[in-house]
Amino acid sequence: MKELIRKGFTIFLMLFMFGGTLLVVGQLLGMIIQNGELMIQTSEYIGKPTFICAAIAGTLGFIYSYFPKEAK
C-alpha cells in the first residue's frame, strides 16, 4: 500500500508540475503577444486539471507521511 501511494504521489506531482509549467508559459505567451483571450483560455483548459492533480498529490503526500519510516 505504501509503495502504491508513493508511486501515485510521484505521478500526480509530475502531472501538476507539467501542467503548472504549461499554464505559466501559456499565460506568459498571451501577455507577450498581448492576447487576453489566450490567457483566459489557458487558465480555463489547463488550470482545472492541474489544480485537481495538485490536490491529489497533496492528499497522497499527506497520507504517505503517516506510514512508519523504514528501519535502517
N, C-alpha and C. Protein backbone atom coordinates (compact mmCIF):
# COMPACT_ATOMS: atom_id res chain seq x y z
N MET A 1 0.83 -1.20 0.00
CA MET A 1 0.00 0.00 0.00
C MET A 1 0.87 1.26 0.00
N LYS A 2 1.93 1.20 0.81
CA LYS A 2 2.82 2.35 0.90
C LYS A 2 3.47 2.66 -0.45
N GLU A 3 3.88 1.59 -1.13
CA GLU A 3 4.53 1.76 -2.44
C GLU A 3 3.55 2.31 -3.47
N LEU A 4 2.31 1.86 -3.43
CA LEU A 4 1.29 2.35 -4.35
C LEU A 4 1.02 3.85 -4.14
N ILE A 5 0.94 4.26 -2.89
CA ILE A 5 0.71 5.68 -2.60
C ILE A 5 1.91 6.52 -3.03
N ARG A 6 3.12 6.00 -2.81
CA ARG A 6 4.32 6.73 -3.22
C ARG A 6 4.36 6.91 -4.73
N LYS A 7 4.02 5.85 -5.47
CA LYS A 7 4.02 5.93 -6.94
C LYS A 7 2.93 6.88 -7.43
N GLY A 8 1.75 6.80 -6.82
CA GLY A 8 0.67 7.73 -7.18
C GLY A 8 1.04 9.17 -6.91
N PHE A 9 1.68 9.40 -5.75
CA PHE A 9 2.14 10.75 -5.42
C PHE A 9 3.12 11.26 -6.46
N THR A 10 4.06 10.42 -6.84
CA THR A 10 5.07 10.82 -7.83
C THR A 10 4.43 11.14 -9.17
N ILE A 11 3.49 10.33 -9.60
CA ILE A 11 2.82 10.55 -10.89
C ILE A 11 2.04 11.86 -10.87
N PHE A 12 1.23 12.07 -9.83
CA PHE A 12 0.43 13.29 -9.77
C PHE A 12 1.28 14.53 -9.54
N LEU A 13 2.40 14.38 -8.84
CA LEU A 13 3.32 15.51 -8.67
C LEU A 13 3.89 15.93 -10.01
N MET A 14 4.32 14.96 -10.81
CA MET A 14 4.87 15.28 -12.12
C MET A 14 3.80 15.89 -13.04
N LEU A 15 2.58 15.36 -12.98
CA LEU A 15 1.49 15.90 -13.80
C LEU A 15 1.18 17.35 -13.44
N PHE A 16 1.12 17.65 -12.14
CA PHE A 16 0.77 19.02 -11.79
C PHE A 16 1.93 19.98 -12.01
N MET A 17 3.16 19.51 -11.91
CA MET A 17 4.30 20.38 -12.24
C MET A 17 4.32 20.69 -13.74
N PHE A 18 4.05 19.67 -14.56
CA PHE A 18 4.00 19.87 -16.01
C PHE A 18 2.83 20.80 -16.38
N GLY A 19 1.67 20.55 -15.79
CA GLY A 19 0.50 21.40 -16.05
C GLY A 19 0.72 22.82 -15.60
N GLY A 20 1.35 23.00 -14.44
CA GLY A 20 1.64 24.34 -13.95
C GLY A 20 2.60 25.09 -14.86
N THR A 21 3.58 24.35 -15.38
CA THR A 21 4.52 24.97 -16.32
C THR A 21 3.80 25.39 -17.60
N LEU A 22 2.94 24.51 -18.13
CA LEU A 22 2.17 24.87 -19.32
C LEU A 22 1.27 26.08 -19.06
N LEU A 23 0.67 26.12 -17.88
CA LEU A 23 -0.21 27.23 -17.51
C LEU A 23 0.55 28.55 -17.50
N VAL A 24 1.71 28.56 -16.86
CA VAL A 24 2.51 29.79 -16.78
C VAL A 24 3.03 30.20 -18.15
N VAL A 25 3.51 29.23 -18.94
CA VAL A 25 4.04 29.55 -20.27
C VAL A 25 2.93 30.08 -21.17
N GLY A 26 1.75 29.46 -21.11
CA GLY A 26 0.62 29.93 -21.93
C GLY A 26 0.19 31.33 -21.56
N GLN A 27 0.14 31.62 -20.26
CA GLN A 27 -0.25 32.97 -19.85
C GLN A 27 0.84 33.99 -20.16
N LEU A 28 2.09 33.58 -20.02
CA LEU A 28 3.20 34.48 -20.36
C LEU A 28 3.19 34.78 -21.86
N LEU A 29 2.96 33.76 -22.67
CA LEU A 29 2.87 33.96 -24.12
C LEU A 29 1.72 34.90 -24.47
N GLY A 30 0.58 34.70 -23.83
CA GLY A 30 -0.55 35.60 -24.05
C GLY A 30 -0.25 37.03 -23.66
N MET A 31 0.52 37.20 -22.60
CA MET A 31 0.89 38.55 -22.17
C MET A 31 1.88 39.18 -23.15
N ILE A 32 2.83 38.38 -23.62
CA ILE A 32 3.84 38.91 -24.55
C ILE A 32 3.21 39.33 -25.87
N ILE A 33 2.30 38.49 -26.41
CA ILE A 33 1.68 38.84 -27.69
C ILE A 33 0.41 39.67 -27.50
N GLN A 34 0.14 40.04 -26.25
CA GLN A 34 -1.00 40.88 -25.88
C GLN A 34 -2.33 40.29 -26.36
N ASN A 35 -2.53 39.03 -26.01
CA ASN A 35 -3.75 38.32 -26.37
C ASN A 35 -4.43 37.86 -25.07
N GLY A 36 -5.36 38.64 -24.60
CA GLY A 36 -6.05 38.34 -23.35
C GLY A 36 -6.85 37.06 -23.42
N GLU A 37 -7.41 36.78 -24.58
CA GLU A 37 -8.22 35.57 -24.75
C GLU A 37 -7.36 34.31 -24.56
N LEU A 38 -6.12 34.34 -25.04
CA LEU A 38 -5.21 33.20 -24.85
C LEU A 38 -4.93 32.99 -23.37
N MET A 39 -4.76 34.06 -22.63
CA MET A 39 -4.51 33.94 -21.20
C MET A 39 -5.70 33.32 -20.48
N ILE A 40 -6.89 33.74 -20.84
CA ILE A 40 -8.11 33.22 -20.20
C ILE A 40 -8.32 31.75 -20.58
N GLN A 41 -8.16 31.43 -21.85
CA GLN A 41 -8.36 30.04 -22.30
C GLN A 41 -7.32 29.11 -21.70
N THR A 42 -6.10 29.58 -21.56
CA THR A 42 -5.06 28.76 -20.93
C THR A 42 -5.47 28.40 -19.52
N SER A 43 -5.96 29.38 -18.81
CA SER A 43 -6.39 29.14 -17.43
C SER A 43 -7.60 28.21 -17.37
N GLU A 44 -8.52 28.36 -18.28
CA GLU A 44 -9.73 27.53 -18.29
C GLU A 44 -9.44 26.08 -18.63
N TYR A 45 -8.61 25.85 -19.65
CA TYR A 45 -8.38 24.49 -20.13
C TYR A 45 -7.30 23.74 -19.36
N ILE A 46 -6.28 24.42 -18.92
CA ILE A 46 -5.17 23.76 -18.25
C ILE A 46 -5.28 23.89 -16.73
N GLY A 47 -5.89 24.95 -16.26
CA GLY A 47 -5.94 25.23 -14.83
C GLY A 47 -6.65 24.18 -14.01
N LYS A 48 -7.86 23.84 -14.36
CA LYS A 48 -8.66 22.92 -13.54
C LYS A 48 -8.01 21.54 -13.41
N PRO A 49 -7.59 20.89 -14.52
CA PRO A 49 -6.92 19.58 -14.35
C PRO A 49 -5.63 19.69 -13.53
N THR A 50 -4.91 20.79 -13.70
CA THR A 50 -3.67 20.97 -12.94
C THR A 50 -3.96 21.12 -11.46
N PHE A 51 -4.99 21.87 -11.11
CA PHE A 51 -5.34 22.05 -9.70
C PHE A 51 -5.84 20.75 -9.09
N ILE A 52 -6.54 19.95 -9.87
CA ILE A 52 -7.01 18.65 -9.37
C ILE A 52 -5.82 17.72 -9.12
N CYS A 53 -4.87 17.70 -10.04
CA CYS A 53 -3.66 16.88 -9.84
C CYS A 53 -2.88 17.34 -8.62
N ALA A 54 -2.81 18.65 -8.40
CA ALA A 54 -2.11 19.18 -7.23
C ALA A 54 -2.81 18.75 -5.95
N ALA A 55 -4.14 18.78 -5.95
CA ALA A 55 -4.89 18.37 -4.76
C ALA A 55 -4.69 16.88 -4.47
N ILE A 56 -4.70 16.07 -5.51
CA ILE A 56 -4.50 14.63 -5.33
C ILE A 56 -3.08 14.36 -4.82
N ALA A 57 -2.09 15.03 -5.40
CA ALA A 57 -0.70 14.85 -4.96
C ALA A 57 -0.55 15.27 -3.50
N GLY A 58 -1.17 16.37 -3.12
CA GLY A 58 -1.10 16.82 -1.73
C GLY A 58 -1.74 15.84 -0.77
N THR A 59 -2.89 15.30 -1.16
CA THR A 59 -3.58 14.32 -0.32
C THR A 59 -2.76 13.04 -0.18
N LEU A 60 -2.21 12.56 -1.28
CA LEU A 60 -1.39 11.34 -1.22
C LEU A 60 -0.12 11.57 -0.40
N GLY A 61 0.48 12.75 -0.52
CA GLY A 61 1.65 13.07 0.29
C GLY A 61 1.33 13.11 1.77
N PHE A 62 0.16 13.63 2.10
CA PHE A 62 -0.29 13.69 3.49
C PHE A 62 -0.50 12.27 4.03
N ILE A 63 -1.16 11.43 3.25
CA ILE A 63 -1.38 10.03 3.67
C ILE A 63 -0.06 9.30 3.82
N TYR A 64 0.85 9.52 2.87
CA TYR A 64 2.15 8.84 2.90
C TYR A 64 2.95 9.20 4.15
N SER A 65 2.78 10.41 4.64
CA SER A 65 3.54 10.83 5.83
C SER A 65 3.13 10.06 7.08
N TYR A 66 1.98 9.41 7.07
CA TYR A 66 1.52 8.64 8.22
C TYR A 66 2.04 7.21 8.26
N PHE A 67 2.67 6.76 7.18
CA PHE A 67 3.24 5.43 7.19
C PHE A 67 4.54 5.45 8.02
N PRO A 68 4.81 4.37 8.72
CA PRO A 68 6.04 4.33 9.54
C PRO A 68 7.29 4.37 8.65
N LYS A 69 8.31 5.00 9.18
CA LYS A 69 9.58 5.09 8.46
C LYS A 69 10.24 3.70 8.44
N GLU A 70 11.01 3.45 7.39
CA GLU A 70 11.72 2.18 7.29
C GLU A 70 12.93 2.19 8.21
N ALA A 71 13.17 1.07 8.89
CA ALA A 71 14.30 0.95 9.78
C ALA A 71 15.58 0.75 8.97
N LYS A 72 16.66 1.33 9.45
CA LYS A 72 17.94 1.19 8.74
C LYS A 72 18.71 -0.01 9.22
